[in-house]
């Protein structure tokens, strides 16, 4: 029942508790996933928008994250195989690149079981096997899955920015973030990612009981994250964090070096 115990991330971000995670390359070694998950992070985002999508490899990595109590999330473009990814055990979807609200709505239908969506139930999936192996009814598992899955929508196109009021009214979305770089490209100025003021204007809304929580990245700055009340925060990408860590280690060693005899 490891999958069912990982439902807390959705509840926590909905309560505006700050949750931390990192992006990882979809093909990163299993041992690295285990080490990352063991750090105490709340979630891991497997980047299948800009990285490889090997579904058979992802299922093992999802299980490793879940065994560590970390929620596995997949970032994917709206035309990706969302239904298969949640069937494999992803407990979160980060939807990237949607052009309009209708694309988001279609993705939400694929993520959620009825009555919230149209996701099909199969006995060969993670939840299906739980139903086959024990006394838990399918209806309860479907409700549990809907209560567990975390849905993050990245606003990074002009069409979706214009649809922001509709996104805020969509109760099936848990978190909204701004994809600063892609939004800058969409606005015709790729060398000027969205400023703190731009992001604040989009995410500076006052949350109601059913509206999505706010997300961001450490690269956007702690002051901005605090100003908008970001509950879902990415610390960066695995390769980026590795590079920063190596540089800091080199600087510490060199700063303590004495003369070479």
Protein backbone atom coordinates (compact mmCIF):
# COMPACT_ATOMS: atom_id res chain seq x y z
CA UNK A 1 0.00 0.00 0.00
CA UNK A 2 3.00 2.30 -0.45
CA UNK A 3 1.23 4.08 -3.30
CA UNK A 4 -1.72 4.97 -1.10
CA UNK A 5 0.46 6.34 1.69
CA UNK A 6 2.02 8.93 -0.63
CA UNK A 7 -1.18 10.98 -0.84
CA UNK A 8 0.07 13.56 1.64
CA UNK A 9 1.78 15.88 -0.90
CA UNK A 10 -1.54 16.89 -2.45
CA UNK A 11 -2.99 17.66 0.97
CA UNK A 12 0.08 19.58 2.08
CA UNK A 13 0.30 21.89 -0.92
CA UNK A 14 -3.44 22.48 -0.64
CA UNK A 15 -2.77 23.66 2.93
CA UNK A 16 0.04 25.92 1.63
CA UNK A 17 2.75 23.96 3.40
CA UNK A 18 6.04 24.42 1.59
CA UNK A 19 7.10 21.22 -0.19
CA UNK A 20 10.47 20.82 -1.87
CA UNK A 21 11.65 18.71 -4.78
CA UNK A 22 14.01 18.45 -7.74
CA UNK A 23 13.85 17.71 -11.44
CA UNK A 24 15.67 14.61 -12.62
CA UNK A 25 16.44 13.30 -16.06
CA UNK A 26 14.05 10.48 -16.92
CA UNK A 27 16.95 8.13 -17.70
CA UNK A 28 19.03 8.85 -14.59
CA UNK A 29 20.48 5.79 -12.86
CA UNK A 30 18.34 3.99 -10.30
CA UNK A 31 21.03 4.45 -7.65
CA UNK A 32 20.91 8.23 -8.15
CA UNK A 33 17.13 8.24 -7.75
CA UNK A 34 17.52 6.34 -4.49
CA UNK A 35 20.13 8.80 -3.20
CA UNK A 36 18.01 11.82 -4.18
CA UNK A 37 14.90 10.33 -2.60
CA UNK A 38 16.81 9.60 0.60
CA UNK A 39 17.61 13.30 1.18
CA UNK A 40 14.19 14.05 2.65
CA UNK A 41 12.69 15.80 -0.37
CA UNK A 42 8.94 15.75 -0.79
CA UNK A 43 8.78 15.07 -4.53
CA UNK A 44 10.86 14.20 -7.57
CA UNK A 45 9.90 15.44 -11.04
CA UNK A 46 10.94 13.14 -13.87
CA UNK A 47 11.47 15.46 -16.83
CA UNK A 48 9.95 13.74 -19.84
CA UNK A 49 9.29 17.01 -21.64
CA UNK A 50 12.96 17.65 -22.35
CA UNK A 51 14.31 14.16 -21.63
CA UNK A 52 13.74 10.60 -22.85
CA UNK A 53 10.47 8.83 -22.15
CA UNK A 54 11.15 5.18 -21.37
CA UNK A 55 7.99 3.98 -19.71
CA UNK A 56 9.39 0.62 -18.60
CA UNK A 57 12.34 2.33 -16.91
CA UNK A 58 10.14 4.96 -15.27
CA UNK A 59 7.95 2.43 -13.45
CA UNK A 60 10.95 1.15 -11.47
CA UNK A 61 12.02 4.68 -10.60
CA UNK A 62 8.52 5.56 -9.44
CA UNK A 63 8.57 2.60 -7.07
CA UNK A 64 11.96 3.57 -5.63
CA UNK A 65 10.70 7.09 -4.92
CA UNK A 66 7.52 5.75 -3.32
CA UNK A 67 9.48 3.36 -1.11
CA UNK A 68 11.36 6.40 0.20
CA UNK A 69 8.10 8.28 0.82
CA UNK A 70 8.75 10.69 -2.04
CA UNK A 71 6.01 11.53 -4.55
CA UNK A 72 7.00 10.77 -8.17
CA UNK A 73 5.79 13.41 -10.62
CA UNK A 74 6.28 13.48 -14.40
CA UNK A 75 6.63 16.64 -16.44
CA UNK A 76 5.21 16.07 -19.87
CA UNK A 77 3.73 18.01 -22.76
CA UNK A 78 -0.04 17.89 -23.08
CA UNK A 79 0.04 15.47 -26.00
CA UNK A 80 2.04 12.87 -24.05
CA UNK A 81 0.82 9.48 -22.77
CA UNK A 82 -0.60 10.84 -19.53
CA UNK A 83 -2.95 7.92 -18.92
CA UNK A 84 -0.17 5.35 -19.20
CA UNK A 85 2.14 7.29 -16.90
CA UNK A 86 -0.37 7.44 -14.05
CA UNK A 87 -1.13 3.76 -14.65
CA UNK A 88 2.58 3.02 -14.22
CA UNK A 89 2.58 4.64 -10.80
CA UNK A 90 3.22 8.37 -11.28
CA UNK A 91 1.41 10.17 -8.46
CA UNK A 92 1.71 13.54 -10.12
CA UNK A 93 1.64 15.15 -13.55
CA UNK A 94 3.24 18.48 -14.39
CA UNK A 95 1.56 19.65 -17.58
CA UNK A 96 3.85 21.76 -19.76
CA UNK A 97 3.30 23.65 -22.99
CA UNK A 98 -0.50 23.71 -23.04
CA UNK A 99 -1.73 26.32 -25.49
CA UNK A 100 -5.18 26.86 -24.02
CA UNK A 101 -7.60 25.81 -21.30
CA UNK A 102 -9.19 23.08 -23.40
CA UNK A 103 -5.85 21.25 -23.62
CA UNK A 104 -5.53 21.40 -19.85
CA UNK A 105 -9.08 20.13 -19.40
CA UNK A 106 -8.38 17.18 -21.70
CA UNK A 107 -5.29 16.29 -19.68
CA UNK A 108 -7.24 16.49 -16.43
CA UNK A 109 -9.81 14.07 -17.81
CA UNK A 110 -7.00 11.60 -18.56
CA UNK A 111 -5.49 11.95 -15.07
CA UNK A 112 -8.58 11.45 -12.94
CA UNK A 113 -10.90 8.48 -12.56
CA UNK A 114 -14.67 9.11 -12.76
CA UNK A 115 -16.47 11.14 -11.60
CA UNK A 116 -13.66 13.71 -11.84
CA UNK A 117 -12.33 12.48 -15.18
CA UNK A 118 -12.45 9.68 -17.70
CA UNK A 119 -9.37 7.63 -16.78
CA UNK A 120 -9.99 3.95 -17.39
CA UNK A 121 -9.47 1.26 -14.75
CA UNK A 122 -7.33 -1.76 -15.63
CA UNK A 123 -6.45 -4.77 -13.51
CA UNK A 124 -2.90 -4.67 -14.94
CA UNK A 125 -1.98 -1.29 -13.43
CA UNK A 126 -0.69 -0.38 -9.96
CA UNK A 127 -4.17 0.29 -8.61
CA UNK A 128 -5.64 -2.66 -10.46
CA UNK A 129 -3.18 -5.05 -8.83
CA UNK A 130 -4.06 -3.66 -5.41
CA UNK A 131 -7.70 -4.44 -6.13
CA UNK A 132 -6.82 -7.96 -7.26
CA UNK A 133 -4.60 -8.74 -4.27
CA UNK A 134 -6.82 -7.61 -1.42
CA UNK A 135 -10.28 -6.81 -0.20
CA UNK A 136 -10.17 -3.14 -1.26
CA UNK A 137 -12.98 -2.30 -3.65
CA UNK A 138 -12.25 -0.68 -6.99
CA UNK A 139 -14.46 2.27 -6.16
CA UNK A 140 -12.39 3.00 -3.06
CA UNK A 141 -9.11 2.69 -4.97
CA UNK A 142 -10.37 5.06 -7.66
CA UNK A 143 -11.34 7.60 -5.02
CA UNK A 144 -7.98 7.17 -3.29
CA UNK A 145 -6.13 7.67 -6.58
CA UNK A 146 -8.05 10.86 -7.28
CA UNK A 147 -7.28 12.10 -3.78
CA UNK A 148 -3.58 11.30 -4.19
CA UNK A 149 -2.60 12.49 -7.65
CA UNK A 150 -0.94 15.93 -7.77
CA UNK A 151 -1.64 18.06 -10.84
CA UNK A 152 0.72 20.95 -11.62
CA UNK A 153 0.09 23.25 -14.58
CA UNK A 154 2.91 25.37 -15.98
CA UNK A 155 1.79 28.61 -17.60
CA UNK A 156 4.25 29.14 -20.44
CA UNK A 157 2.19 30.17 -23.46
CA UNK A 158 0.24 33.31 -24.25
CA UNK A 159 -2.99 31.39 -24.64
CA UNK A 160 -2.71 29.78 -21.23
CA UNK A 161 -1.75 33.06 -19.61
CA UNK A 162 -4.96 34.54 -20.95
CA UNK A 163 -6.84 31.54 -19.57
CA UNK A 164 -5.48 32.06 -16.04
CA UNK A 165 -8.90 33.00 -14.55
CA UNK A 166 -10.32 29.69 -15.79
CA UNK A 167 -7.34 27.78 -14.38
CA UNK A 168 -7.88 29.37 -10.98
CA UNK A 169 -11.48 28.17 -11.00
CA UNK A 170 -10.53 24.58 -11.91
CA UNK A 171 -10.60 22.60 -8.66
CA UNK A 172 -8.80 19.59 -10.19
CA UNK A 173 -5.57 21.61 -10.49
CA UNK A 174 -3.42 21.55 -7.36
CA UNK A 175 -0.57 23.89 -8.30
CA UNK A 176 0.07 26.60 -10.89
CA UNK A 177 3.60 27.66 -11.81
CA UNK A 178 5.04 30.00 -14.43
CA UNK A 179 7.51 28.65 -17.00
CA UNK A 180 9.55 31.84 -17.23
CA UNK A 181 11.84 30.91 -20.12
CA UNK A 182 9.19 29.43 -22.41
CA UNK A 183 6.79 32.26 -21.69
CA UNK A 184 9.52 34.73 -22.68
CA UNK A 185 9.93 32.86 -25.98
CA UNK A 186 6.17 33.00 -26.54
CA UNK A 187 6.24 36.74 -25.88
CA UNK A 188 8.92 37.21 -28.54
CA UNK A 189 11.79 38.10 -26.19
CA UNK A 190 13.64 34.87 -25.30
CA UNK A 191 16.57 36.79 -23.76
CA UNK A 192 14.32 38.26 -21.08
CA UNK A 193 12.67 35.60 -18.95
CA UNK A 194 9.59 36.69 -17.06
CA UNK A 195 10.52 39.13 -14.29
CA UNK A 196 9.54 38.90 -10.65
CA UNK A 197 6.89 41.51 -11.36
CA UNK A 198 5.44 39.44 -14.22
CA UNK A 199 5.27 36.33 -12.08
CA UNK A 200 3.79 38.22 -9.15
CA UNK A 201 1.08 39.67 -11.39
CA UNK A 202 0.11 36.14 -12.45
CA UNK A 203 0.50 34.34 -9.12
CA UNK A 204 -0.27 37.16 -6.71
CA UNK A 205 -3.89 36.08 -6.39
CA UNK A 206 -5.52 35.47 -3.04
CA UNK A 207 -6.32 31.79 -2.74
CA UNK A 208 -9.83 30.61 -2.08
CA UNK A 209 -10.59 27.23 -0.58
CA UNK A 210 -10.67 25.47 -3.95
CA UNK A 211 -8.16 27.44 -5.99
CA UNK A 212 -4.74 26.00 -6.90
CA UNK A 213 -1.69 26.52 -4.73
CA UNK A 214 1.29 28.39 -6.14
CA UNK A 215 4.58 26.96 -7.29
CA UNK A 216 8.00 28.23 -8.24
CA UNK A 217 11.69 27.44 -8.39
CA UNK A 218 14.63 28.45 -6.25
CA UNK A 219 16.12 30.10 -9.33
CA UNK A 220 13.32 32.66 -9.18
CA UNK A 221 14.59 33.81 -5.79
CA UNK A 222 13.49 33.26 -2.22
CA UNK A 223 12.03 36.75 -1.95
CA UNK A 224 9.67 36.07 -4.85
CA UNK A 225 8.73 32.63 -3.54
CA UNK A 226 7.88 34.16 -0.17
CA UNK A 227 6.03 37.08 -1.74
CA UNK A 228 3.65 34.86 -3.72
CA UNK A 229 3.41 32.25 -0.99
CA UNK A 230 4.78 29.38 -3.09
CA UNK A 231 3.98 26.02 -1.55
CA UNK A 232 5.47 23.82 -4.30
CA UNK A 233 9.14 24.65 -4.85
CA UNK A 234 11.71 23.05 -7.13
CA UNK A 235 15.32 23.35 -6.03
CA UNK A 236 16.54 22.84 -9.60
CA UNK A 237 17.60 20.08 -11.97
CA UNK A 238 19.79 17.16 -10.95
CA UNK A 239 22.58 18.14 -13.36
CA UNK A 240 22.46 21.75 -12.22
CA UNK A 241 22.63 20.83 -8.55
CA UNK A 242 25.50 18.43 -9.24
CA UNK A 243 27.43 21.17 -11.05
CA UNK A 244 26.87 23.65 -8.21
CA UNK A 245 27.90 21.09 -5.61
CA UNK A 246 31.12 20.21 -7.45
CA UNK A 247 32.04 23.87 -7.84
CA UNK A 248 31.45 24.55 -4.15
CA UNK A 249 33.58 21.53 -3.21
CA UNK A 250 36.39 22.72 -5.47
CA UNK A 251 36.25 26.21 -3.98
CA UNK A 252 36.37 24.85 -0.42
CA UNK A 253 39.40 22.70 -1.21
CA UNK A 254 41.27 25.44 -3.04
CA UNK A 255 40.54 28.04 -0.40
CA UNK A 256 42.18 25.83 2.24
CA UNK A 257 45.21 24.84 0.18
CA UNK A 258 48.61 25.78 1.46
CA UNK A 259 51.79 26.01 -0.57
CA UNK A 260 52.74 22.86 -2.44
CA UNK A 261 56.02 21.50 -1.10
